[in-house]
Amino acid sequence: MSRSFGDSTACRVGVNAIPEIKVFDLTVEDRILVIASDGVWEFLENNQVANIVFPYFAQRNAEGAGEALVRAAYKRWKKEGESVVDDITCIIVFLDVKN
């Protein structure tokens, strides 16, 4: 897991500062890019995230999409009985890919 710089405690359990990098070729069908921490992906499936975010695409409201996604992830954390909710971060990018 890549996570933090200079965390000498976490490195003992496998956390490191080496990023995981993936490259994707975007097409004109790609509309939304969601970059989110595991606090989102642990409790929401890809299709759930898409259903939450897509309505905001028509409004061109990426900030609203991010707020809705964080709110949904938070509700799922609480529903699962988690006492500490500490890792919900996301970036929403609306794409306008042209060939």
PDB file of N, CA and C in Angstrom:
ATOM      1  N   MET A   1       0.854  -1.170   0.000  1.00  0.00           N
ATOM      2  CA  MET A   1       0.000   0.000   0.000  1.00  0.00           C
ATOM      3  C   MET A   1       0.899   1.231   0.000  1.00  0.00           C
ATOM      4  N   SER A   2       0.692   2.139  -0.927  1.00  0.00           N
ATOM      5  CA  SER A   2       1.437   3.392  -0.895  1.00  0.00           C
ATOM      6  C   SER A   2       0.575   4.407  -0.164  1.00  0.00           C
ATOM      7  N   ARG A   3       1.179   5.157   0.727  1.00  0.00           N
ATOM      8  CA  ARG A   3       0.349   6.020   1.542  1.00  0.00           C
ATOM      9  C   ARG A   3       1.020   7.297   1.984  1.00  0.00           C
ATOM     10  N   SER A   4       2.133   7.219   2.685  1.00  0.00           N
ATOM     11  CA  SER A   4       2.632   8.432   3.308  1.00  0.00           C
ATOM     12  C   SER A   4       4.148   8.517   3.247  1.00  0.00           C
ATOM     13  N   PHE A   5       4.618   9.745   3.259  1.00  0.00           N
ATOM     14  CA  PHE A   5       6.051  10.012   3.278  1.00  0.00           C
ATOM     15  C   PHE A   5       6.522  10.151   4.722  1.00  0.00           C
ATOM     16  N   GLY A   6       7.600   9.498   5.055  1.00  0.00           N
ATOM     17  CA  GLY A   6       8.222   9.685   6.361  1.00  0.00           C
ATOM     18  C   GLY A   6       7.503   9.047   7.523  1.00  0.00           C
ATOM     19  N   ASP A   7       6.595   8.152   7.300  1.00  0.00           N
ATOM     20  CA  ASP A   7       5.866   7.501   8.393  1.00  0.00           C
ATOM     21  C   ASP A   7       6.649   6.262   8.815  1.00  0.00           C
ATOM     22  N   SER A   8       7.531   6.451   9.781  1.00  0.00           N
ATOM     23  CA  SER A   8       8.419   5.356  10.176  1.00  0.00           C
ATOM     24  C   SER A   8       7.681   4.244  10.917  1.00  0.00           C
ATOM     25  N   THR A   9       6.547   4.528  11.504  1.00  0.00           N
ATOM     26  CA  THR A   9       5.780   3.486  12.185  1.00  0.00           C
ATOM     27  C   THR A   9       5.021   2.630  11.181  1.00  0.00           C
ATOM     28  N   ALA A  10       4.335   3.271  10.253  1.00  0.00           N
ATOM     29  CA  ALA A  10       3.518   2.532   9.286  1.00  0.00           C
ATOM     30  C   ALA A  10       4.363   1.684   8.338  1.00  0.00           C
ATOM     31  N   CYS A  11       5.602   2.097   8.088  1.00  0.00           N
ATOM     32  CA  CYS A  11       6.440   1.313   7.169  1.00  0.00           C
ATOM     33  C   CYS A  11       6.712  -0.077   7.723  1.00  0.00           C
ATOM     34  N   ARG A  12       6.603  -0.260   9.024  1.00  0.00           N
ATOM     35  CA  ARG A  12       6.830  -1.575   9.633  1.00  0.00           C
ATOM     36  C   ARG A  12       5.719  -2.575   9.300  1.00  0.00           C
ATOM     37  N   VAL A  13       4.554  -2.053   8.881  1.00  0.00           N
ATOM     38  CA  VAL A  13       3.429  -2.940   8.566  1.00  0.00           C
ATOM     39  C   VAL A  13       3.084  -2.912   7.082  1.00  0.00           C
ATOM     40  N   GLY A  14       4.013  -2.436   6.246  1.00  0.00           N
ATOM     41  CA  GLY A  14       3.825  -2.519   4.811  1.00  0.00           C
ATOM     42  C   GLY A  14       3.425  -1.248   4.095  1.00  0.00           C
ATOM     43  N   VAL A  15       3.297  -0.154   4.807  1.00  0.00           N
ATOM     44  CA  VAL A  15       2.957   1.115   4.171  1.00  0.00           C
ATOM     45  C   VAL A  15       4.235   1.741   3.635  1.00  0.00           C
ATOM     46  N   ASN A  16       4.181   2.261   2.403  1.00  0.00           N
ATOM     47  CA  ASN A  16       5.361   2.905   1.848  1.00  0.00           C
ATOM     48  C   ASN A  16       4.963   4.125   1.039  1.00  0.00           C
ATOM     49  N   ALA A  17       5.937   4.877   0.611  1.00  0.00           N
ATOM     50  CA  ALA A  17       5.696   6.111  -0.141  1.00  0.00           C
ATOM     51  C   ALA A  17       5.873   5.917  -1.645  1.00  0.00           C
ATOM     52  N   ILE A  18       5.942   4.681  -2.090  1.00  0.00           N
ATOM     53  CA  ILE A  18       6.097   4.415  -3.522  1.00  0.00           C
ATOM     54  C   ILE A  18       4.705   4.334  -4.141  1.00  0.00           C
ATOM     55  N   PRO A  19       4.375   5.251  -5.050  1.00  0.00           N
ATOM     56  CA  PRO A  19       3.009   5.267  -5.602  1.00  0.00           C
ATOM     57  C   PRO A  19       2.752   4.100  -6.538  1.00  0.00           C
ATOM     58  N   GLU A  20       1.498   3.681  -6.579  1.00  0.00           N
ATOM     59  CA  GLU A  20       1.054   2.702  -7.562  1.00  0.00           C
ATOM     60  C   GLU A  20       0.566   3.498  -8.759  1.00  0.00           C
ATOM     61  N   ILE A  21       1.070   3.203  -9.938  1.00  0.00           N
ATOM     62  CA  ILE A  21       0.730   3.975 -11.128  1.00  0.00           C
ATOM     63  C   ILE A  21       0.091   3.064 -12.167  1.00  0.00           C
ATOM     64  N   LYS A  22      -1.045   3.514 -12.694  1.00  0.00           N
ATOM     65  CA  LYS A  22      -1.711   2.807 -13.781  1.00  0.00           C
ATOM     66  C   LYS A  22      -1.977   3.822 -14.886  1.00  0.00           C
ATOM     67  N   VAL A  23      -1.854   3.379 -16.133  1.00  0.00           N
ATOM     68  CA  VAL A  23      -2.067   4.252 -17.279  1.00  0.00           C
ATOM     69  C   VAL A  23      -3.280   3.742 -18.060  1.00  0.00           C
ATOM     70  N   PHE A  24      -4.181   4.652 -18.382  1.00  0.00           N
ATOM     71  CA  PHE A  24      -5.373   4.315 -19.152  1.00  0.00           C
ATOM     72  C   PHE A  24      -5.476   5.263 -20.337  1.00  0.00           C
ATOM     73  N   ASP A  25      -5.873   4.740 -21.471  1.00  0.00           N
ATOM     74  CA  ASP A  25      -6.162   5.576 -22.633  1.00  0.00           C
ATOM     75  C   ASP A  25      -7.626   5.977 -22.569  1.00  0.00           C
ATOM     76  N   LEU A  26      -7.892   7.274 -22.534  1.00  0.00           N
ATOM     77  CA  LEU A  26      -9.261   7.762 -22.474  1.00  0.00           C
ATOM     78  C   LEU A  26      -9.858   7.819 -23.872  1.00  0.00           C
ATOM     79  N   THR A  27     -11.159   7.574 -23.948  1.00  0.00           N
ATOM     80  CA  THR A  27     -11.873   7.631 -25.218  1.00  0.00           C
ATOM     81  C   THR A  27     -13.009   8.641 -25.096  1.00  0.00           C
ATOM     82  N   VAL A  28     -13.692   8.890 -26.197  1.00  0.00           N
ATOM     83  CA  VAL A  28     -14.813   9.838 -26.171  1.00  0.00           C
ATOM     84  C   VAL A  28     -15.975   9.308 -25.327  1.00  0.00           C
ATOM     85  N   GLU A  29     -16.018   7.999 -25.063  1.00  0.00           N
ATOM     86  CA  GLU A  29     -17.071   7.442 -24.205  1.00  0.00           C
ATOM     87  C   GLU A  29     -16.817   7.703 -22.720  1.00  0.00           C
ATOM     88  N   ASP A  30     -15.579   7.994 -22.351  1.00  0.00           N
ATOM     89  CA  ASP A  30     -15.244   8.262 -20.948  1.00  0.00           C
ATOM     90  C   ASP A  30     -15.778   9.628 -20.549  1.00  0.00           C
ATOM     91  N   ARG A  31     -16.500   9.665 -19.452  1.00  0.00           N
ATOM     92  CA  ARG A  31     -17.153  10.902 -19.021  1.00  0.00           C
ATOM     93  C   ARG A  31     -16.671  11.419 -17.667  1.00  0.00           C
ATOM     94  N   ILE A  32     -16.390  10.496 -16.769  1.00  0.00           N
ATOM     95  CA  ILE A  32     -16.106  10.883 -15.386  1.00  0.00           C
ATOM     96  C   ILE A  32     -14.907  10.097 -14.875  1.00  0.00           C
ATOM     97  N   LEU A  33     -14.022  10.780 -14.179  1.00  0.00           N
ATOM     98  CA  LEU A  33     -12.897  10.144 -13.512  1.00  0.00           C
ATOM     99  C   LEU A  33     -13.102  10.318 -12.009  1.00  0.00           C
ATOM    100  N   VAL A  34     -13.115   9.199 -11.296  1.00  0.00           N
ATOM    101  CA  VAL A  34     -13.268   9.224  -9.845  1.00  0.00           C
ATOM    102  C   VAL A  34     -11.980   8.692  -9.234  1.00  0.00           C
ATOM    103  N   ILE A  35     -11.315   9.528  -8.484  1.00  0.00           N
ATOM    104  CA  ILE A  35     -10.123   9.124  -7.736  1.00  0.00           C
ATOM    105  C   ILE A  35     -10.533   9.167  -6.265  1.00  0.00           C
ATOM    106  N   ALA A  36     -10.462   8.023  -5.603  1.00  0.00           N
ATOM    107  CA  ALA A  36     -10.966   7.984  -4.228  1.00  0.00           C
ATOM    108  C   ALA A  36     -10.112   7.061  -3.367  1.00  0.00           C
ATOM    109  N   SER A  37     -10.120   7.342  -2.091  1.00  0.00           N
ATOM    110  CA  SER A  37      -9.389   6.517  -1.135  1.00  0.00           C
ATOM    111  C   SER A  37     -10.172   5.244  -0.835  1.00  0.00           C
ATOM    112  N   ASP A  38      -9.526   4.346  -0.123  1.00  0.00           N
ATOM    113  CA  ASP A  38     -10.166   3.069   0.179  1.00  0.00           C
ATOM    114  C   ASP A  38     -11.387   3.216   1.074  1.00  0.00           C
ATOM    115  N   GLY A  39     -11.546   4.341   1.731  1.00  0.00           N
ATOM    116  CA  GLY A  39     -12.742   4.585   2.527  1.00  0.00           C
ATOM    117  C   GLY A  39     -14.000   4.677   1.681  1.00  0.00           C
ATOM    118  N   VAL A  40     -13.830   4.975   0.412  1.00  0.00           N
ATOM    119  CA  VAL A  40     -14.950   4.964  -0.536  1.00  0.00           C
ATOM    120  C   VAL A  40     -15.103   3.556  -1.108  1.00  0.00           C
ATOM    121  N   TRP A  41     -14.020   3.013  -1.642  1.00  0.00           N
ATOM    122  CA  TRP A  41     -14.097   1.734  -2.361  1.00  0.00           C
ATOM    123  C   TRP A  41     -14.356   0.539  -1.452  1.00  0.00           C
ATOM    124  N   GLU A  42     -14.051   0.653  -0.176  1.00  0.00           N
ATOM    125  CA  GLU A  42     -14.301  -0.461   0.735  1.00  0.00           C
ATOM    126  C   GLU A  42     -15.796  -0.699   0.933  1.00  0.00           C
ATOM    127  N   PHE A  43     -16.581   0.361   0.847  1.00  0.00           N
ATOM    128  CA  PHE A  43     -18.005   0.250   1.150  1.00  0.00           C
ATOM    129  C   PHE A  43     -18.929   0.461  -0.043  1.00  0.00           C
ATOM    130  N   LEU A  44     -18.411   0.952  -1.174  1.00  0.00           N
ATOM    131  CA  LEU A  44     -19.245   1.188  -2.349  1.00  0.00           C
ATOM    132  C   LEU A  44     -18.656   0.492  -3.567  1.00  0.00           C
ATOM    133  N   GLU A  45     -19.497  -0.159  -4.340  1.00  0.00           N
ATOM    134  CA  GLU A  45     -19.086  -0.816  -5.572  1.00  0.00           C
ATOM    135  C   GLU A  45     -18.993   0.219  -6.689  1.00  0.00           C
ATOM    136  N   ASN A  46     -18.292  -0.130  -7.772  1.00  0.00           N
ATOM    137  CA  ASN A  46     -18.135   0.779  -8.905  1.00  0.00           C
ATOM    138  C   ASN A  46     -19.470   1.299  -9.421  1.00  0.00           C
ATOM    139  N   ASN A  47     -20.448   0.395  -9.597  1.00  0.00           N
ATOM    140  CA  ASN A  47     -21.739   0.831 -10.135  1.00  0.00           C
ATOM    141  C   ASN A  47     -22.475   1.753  -9.170  1.00  0.00           C
ATOM    142  N   GLN A  48     -22.302   1.556  -7.873  1.00  0.00           N
ATOM    143  CA  GLN A  48     -22.914   2.457  -6.895  1.00  0.00           C
ATOM    144  C   GLN A  48     -22.293   3.850  -6.994  1.00  0.00           C
ATOM    145  N   VAL A  49     -20.978   3.898  -7.129  1.00  0.00           N
ATOM    146  CA  VAL A  49     -20.286   5.184  -7.276  1.00  0.00           C
ATOM    147  C   VAL A  49     -20.771   5.888  -8.533  1.00  0.00           C
ATOM    148  N   ALA A  50     -20.868   5.148  -9.628  1.00  0.00           N
ATOM    149  CA  ALA A  50     -21.341   5.738 -10.883  1.00  0.00           C
ATOM    150  C   ALA A  50     -22.756   6.285 -10.732  1.00  0.00           C
ATOM    151  N   ASN A  51     -23.627   5.542 -10.075  1.00  0.00           N
ATOM    152  CA  ASN A  51     -25.005   5.994  -9.881  1.00  0.00           C
ATOM    153  C   ASN A  51     -25.102   7.232  -9.002  1.00  0.00           C
ATOM    154  N   ILE A  52     -24.192   7.370  -8.073  1.00  0.00           N
ATOM    155  CA  ILE A  52     -24.176   8.551  -7.199  1.00  0.00           C
ATOM    156  C   ILE A  52     -23.651   9.768  -7.962  1.00  0.00           C
ATOM    157  N   VAL A  53     -22.599   9.587  -8.718  1.00  0.00           N
ATOM    158  CA  VAL A  53     -21.885  10.698  -9.350  1.00  0.00           C
ATOM    159  C   VAL A  53     -22.520  11.163 -10.666  1.00  0.00           C
ATOM    160  N   PHE A  54     -23.043  10.226 -11.454  1.00  0.00           N
ATOM    161  CA  PHE A  54     -23.498  10.574 -12.803  1.00  0.00           C
ATOM    162  C   PHE A  54     -24.562  11.665 -12.867  1.00  0.00           C
ATOM    163  N   PRO A  55     -25.541  11.712 -11.979  1.00  0.00           N
ATOM    164  CA  PRO A  55     -26.535  12.788 -12.074  1.00  0.00           C
ATOM    165  C   PRO A  55     -25.921  14.195 -12.012  1.00  0.00           C
ATOM    166  N   TYR A  56     -24.793  14.322 -11.360  1.00  0.00           N
ATOM    167  CA  TYR A  56     -24.123  15.624 -11.251  1.00  0.00           C
ATOM    168  C   TYR A  56     -23.377  15.991 -12.529  1.00  0.00           C
ATOM    169  N   PHE A  57     -23.102  14.979 -13.361  1.00  0.00           N
ATOM    170  CA  PHE A  57     -22.412  15.231 -14.624  1.00  0.00           C
ATOM    171  C   PHE A  57     -23.252  16.129 -15.530  1.00  0.00           C
ATOM    172  N   ALA A  58     -24.536  15.844 -15.618  1.00  0.00           N
ATOM    173  CA  ALA A  58     -25.427  16.649 -16.468  1.00  0.00           C
ATOM    174  C   ALA A  58     -25.485  18.104 -15.995  1.00  0.00           C
ATOM    175  N   GLN A  59     -25.299  18.309 -14.706  1.00  0.00           N
ATOM    176  CA  GLN A  59     -25.317  19.659 -14.126  1.00  0.00           C
ATOM    177  C   GLN A  59     -23.942  20.313 -14.140  1.00  0.00           C
ATOM    178  N   ARG A  60     -22.919  19.534 -14.543  1.00  0.00           N
ATOM    179  CA  ARG A  60     -21.523  20.000 -14.508  1.00  0.00           C
ATOM    180  C   ARG A  60     -21.145  20.457 -13.087  1.00  0.00           C
ATOM    181  N   ASN A  61     -21.538  19.671 -12.105  1.00  0.00           N
ATOM    182  CA  ASN A  61     -21.335  20.002 -10.707  1.00  0.00           C
ATOM    183  C   ASN A  61     -20.441  18.949 -10.052  1.00  0.00           C
ATOM    184  N   ALA A  62     -19.150  19.009 -10.327  1.00  0.00           N
ATOM    185  CA  ALA A  62     -18.200  18.037  -9.774  1.00  0.00           C
ATOM    186  C   ALA A  62     -18.118  18.142  -8.253  1.00  0.00           C
ATOM    187  N   GLU A  63     -18.215  19.352  -7.738  1.00  0.00           N
ATOM    188  CA  GLU A  63     -18.161  19.521  -6.277  1.00  0.00           C
ATOM    189  C   GLU A  63     -19.344  18.826  -5.610  1.00  0.00           C
ATOM    190  N   GLY A  64     -20.526  18.987  -6.179  1.00  0.00           N
ATOM    191  CA  GLY A  64     -21.708  18.309  -5.646  1.00  0.00           C
ATOM    192  C   GLY A  64     -21.571  16.806  -5.723  1.00  0.00           C
ATOM    193  N   ALA A  65     -20.982  16.306  -6.815  1.00  0.00           N
ATOM    194  CA  ALA A  65     -20.757  14.871  -6.969  1.00  0.00           C
ATOM    195  C   ALA A  65     -19.831  14.354  -5.876  1.00  0.00           C
ATOM    196  N   GLY A  66     -18.763  15.094  -5.612  1.00  0.00           N
ATOM    197  CA  GLY A  66     -17.830  14.691  -4.556  1.00  0.00           C
ATOM    198  C   GLY A  66     -18.482  14.684  -3.191  1.00  0.00           C
ATOM    199  N   GLU A  67     -19.275  15.708  -2.913  1.00  0.00           N
ATOM    200  CA  GLU A  67     -19.972  15.774  -1.622  1.00  0.00           C
ATOM    201  C   GLU A  67     -20.951  14.611  -1.475  1.00  0.00           C
ATOM    202  N   ALA A  68     -21.685  14.302  -2.542  1.00  0.00           N
ATOM    203  CA  ALA A  68     -22.640  13.197  -2.489  1.00  0.00           C
ATOM    204  C   ALA A  68     -21.932  11.863  -2.285  1.00  0.00           C
ATOM    205  N   LEU A  69     -20.795  11.690  -2.940  1.00  0.00           N
ATOM    206  CA  LEU A  69     -20.040  10.447  -2.808  1.00  0.00           C
ATOM    207  C   LEU A  69     -19.489  10.280  -1.397  1.00  0.00           C
ATOM    208  N   VAL A  70     -18.932  11.330  -0.848  1.00  0.00           N
ATOM    209  CA  VAL A  70     -18.408  11.274   0.526  1.00  0.00           C
ATOM    210  C   VAL A  70     -19.543  10.988   1.511  1.00  0.00           C
ATOM    211  N   ARG A  71     -20.678  11.640   1.320  1.00  0.00           N
ATOM    212  CA  ARG A  71     -21.830  11.436   2.200  1.00  0.00           C
ATOM    213  C   ARG A  71     -22.306   9.973   2.132  1.00  0.00           C
ATOM    214  N   ALA A  72     -22.380   9.409   0.926  1.00  0.00           N
ATOM    215  CA  ALA A  72     -22.820   8.018   0.771  1.00  0.00           C
ATOM    216  C   ALA A  72     -21.835   7.049   1.419  1.00  0.00           C
ATOM    217  N   ALA A  73     -20.547   7.287   1.229  1.00  0.00           N
ATOM    218  CA  ALA A  73     -19.542   6.415   1.843  1.00  0.00           C
ATOM    219  C   ALA A  73     -19.616   6.503   3.368  1.00  0.00           C
ATOM    220  N   TYR A  74     -19.798   7.712   3.874  1.00  0.00           N
ATOM    221  CA  TYR A  74     -19.914   7.902   5.324  1.00  0.00           C
ATOM    222  C   TYR A  74     -21.111   7.114   5.877  1.00  0.00           C
ATOM    223  N   LYS A  75     -22.243   7.212   5.189  1.00  0.00           N
ATOM    224  CA  LYS A  75     -23.437   6.486   5.645  1.00  0.00           C
ATOM    225  C   LYS A  75     -23.191   4.985   5.669  1.00  0.00           C
ATOM    226  N   ARG A  76     -22.487   4.468   4.666  1.00  0.00           N
ATOM    227  CA  ARG A  76     -22.187   3.039   4.632  1.00  0.00           C
ATOM    228  C   ARG A  76     -21.261   2.631   5.768  1.00  0.00           C
ATOM    229  N   TRP A  77     -20.242   3.470   6.053  1.00  0.00           N
ATOM    230  CA  TRP A  77     -19.344   3.183   7.180  1.00  0.00           C
ATOM    231  C   TRP A  77     -20.172   3.037   8.454  1.00  0.00           C
ATOM    232  N   LYS A  78     -21.049   4.006   8.688  1.00  0.00           N
ATOM    233  CA  LYS A  78     -21.845   4.002   9.919  1.00  0.00           C
ATOM    234  C   LYS A  78     -22.810   2.817   9.952  1.00  0.00           C
ATOM    235  N   LYS A  79     -23.394   2.481   8.801  1.00  0.00           N
ATOM    236  CA  LYS A  79     -24.321   1.351   8.720  1.00  0.00           C
ATOM    237  C   LYS A  79     -23.620   0.046   9.063  1.00  0.00           C
ATOM    238  N   GLU A  80     -22.347  -0.066   8.685  1.00  0.00           N
ATOM    239  CA  GLU A  80     -21.572  -1.271   8.971  1.00  0.00           C
ATOM    240  C   GLU A  80     -21.129  -1.338  10.430  1.00  0.00           C
ATOM    241  N   GLY A  81     -21.443  -0.300  11.207  1.00  0.00           N
ATOM    242  CA  GLY A  81     -21.128  -0.310  12.625  1.00  0.00           C
ATOM    243  C   GLY A  81     -19.724   0.144  12.972  1.00  0.00           C
ATOM    244  N   GLU A  82     -19.055   0.783  12.017  1.00  0.00           N
ATOM    245  CA  GLU A  82     -17.705   1.272  12.280  1.00  0.00           C
ATOM    246  C   GLU A  82     -17.772   2.435  13.272  1.00  0.00           C
ATOM    247  N   SER A  83     -16.916   2.421  14.270  1.00  0.00           N
ATOM    248  CA  SER A  83     -16.924   3.496  15.267  1.00  0.00           C
ATOM    249  C   SER A  83     -16.049   4.672  14.834  1.00  0.00           C
ATOM    250  N   VAL A  84     -15.053   4.408  13.993  1.00  0.00           N
ATOM    251  CA  VAL A  84     -14.165   5.466  13.529  1.00  0.00           C
ATOM    252  C   VAL A  84     -14.267   5.541  12.002  1.00  0.00           C
ATOM    253  N   VAL A  85     -14.579   6.725  11.513  1.00  0.00           N
ATOM    254  CA  VAL A  85     -14.645   6.973  10.069  1.00  0.00           C
ATOM    255  C   VAL A  85     -13.544   7.979   9.770  1.00  0.00           C
ATOM    256  N   ASP A  86     -12.478   7.529   9.083  1.00  0.00           N
ATOM    257  CA  ASP A  86     -11.324   8.422   8.960  1.00  0.00           C
ATOM    258  C   ASP A  86     -10.665   8.440   7.583  1.00  0.00           C
ATOM    259  N   ASP A  87     -11.253   7.825   6.598  1.00  0.00           N
ATOM    260  CA  ASP A  87     -10.519   7.701   5.341  1.00  0.00           C
ATOM    261  C   ASP A  87     -11.452   7.798   4.140  1.00  0.00           C
ATOM    262  N   ILE A  88     -12.141   8.931   4.020  1.00  0.00           N
ATOM    263  CA  ILE A  88     -13.032   9.139   2.879  1.00  0.00           C
ATOM    264  C   ILE A  88     -12.550  10.388   2.145  1.00  0.00           C
ATOM    265  N   THR A  89     -11.908  10.157   1.023  1.00  0.00           N
ATOM    266  CA  THR A  89     -11.386  11.253   0.210  1.00  0.00           C
ATOM    267  C   THR A  89     -11.685  10.945  -1.245  1.00  0.00           C
ATOM    268  N   CYS A  90     -12.080  11.977  -1.996  1.00  0.00           N
ATOM    269  CA  CYS A  90     -12.303  11.735  -3.420  1.00  0.00           C
ATOM    270  C   CYS A  90     -12.034  12.988  -4.237  1.00  0.00           C
ATOM    271  N   ILE A  91     -11.724  12.745  -5.494  1.00  0.00           N
ATOM    272  CA  ILE A  91     -11.583  13.795  -6.496  1.00  0.00           C
ATOM    273  C   ILE A  91     -12.456  13.362  -7.665  1.00  0.00           C
ATOM    274  N   ILE A  92     -13.322  14.247  -8.116  1.00  0.00           N
ATOM    275  CA  ILE A  92     -14.192  13.961  -9.249  1.00  0.00           C
ATOM    276  C   ILE A  92     -13.775  14.885 -10.400  1.00  0.00           C
ATOM    277  N   VAL A  93     -13.551  14.283 -11.570  1.00  0.00           N
ATOM    278  CA  VAL A  93     -13.176  15.062 -12.760  1.00  0.00           C
ATOM    279  C   VAL A  93     -14.166  14.701 -13.861  1.00  0.00           C
ATOM    280  N   PHE A  94     -14.827  15.715 -14.412  1.00  0.00           N
ATOM    281  CA  PHE A  94     -15.683  15.517 -15.564  1.00  0.00           C
ATOM    282  C   PHE A  94     -14.841  15.699 -16.811  1.00  0.00           C
ATOM    283  N   LEU A  95     -14.891  14.724 -17.699  1.00  0.00           N
ATOM    284  CA  LEU A  95     -14.014  14.703 -18.866  1.00  0.00           C
ATOM    285  C   LEU A  95     -14.736  15.195 -20.120  1.00  0.00           C
ATOM    286  N   ASP A  96     -13.977  15.780 -20.986  1.00  0.00           N
ATOM    287  CA  ASP A  96     -14.450  16.173 -22.302  1.00  0.00           C
ATOM    288  C   ASP A  96     -13.378  15.731 -23.292  1.00  0.00           C
ATOM    289  N   VAL A  97     -13.317  14.416 -23.522  1.00  0.00           N
ATOM    290  CA  VAL A  97     -12.276  13.827 -24.342  1.00  0.00           C
ATOM    291  C   VAL A  97     -12.633  14.025 -25.821  1.00  0.00           C
ATOM    292  N   LYS A  98     -11.691  14.534 -26.575  1.00  0.00           N
ATOM    293  CA  LYS A  98     -11.892  14.722 -28.004  1.00  0.00           C
ATOM    294  C   LYS A  98     -10.820  13.934 -28.759  1.00  0.00           C
ATOM    295  N   ASN A  99     -11.216  13.313 -29.825  1.00  0.00           N
ATOM    296  CA  ASN A  99     -10.252  12.581 -30.656  1.00  0.00           C
ATOM    297  C   ASN A  99      -9.795  13.437 -31.809  1.00  0.00           C
TER     298      ASN A  99
END
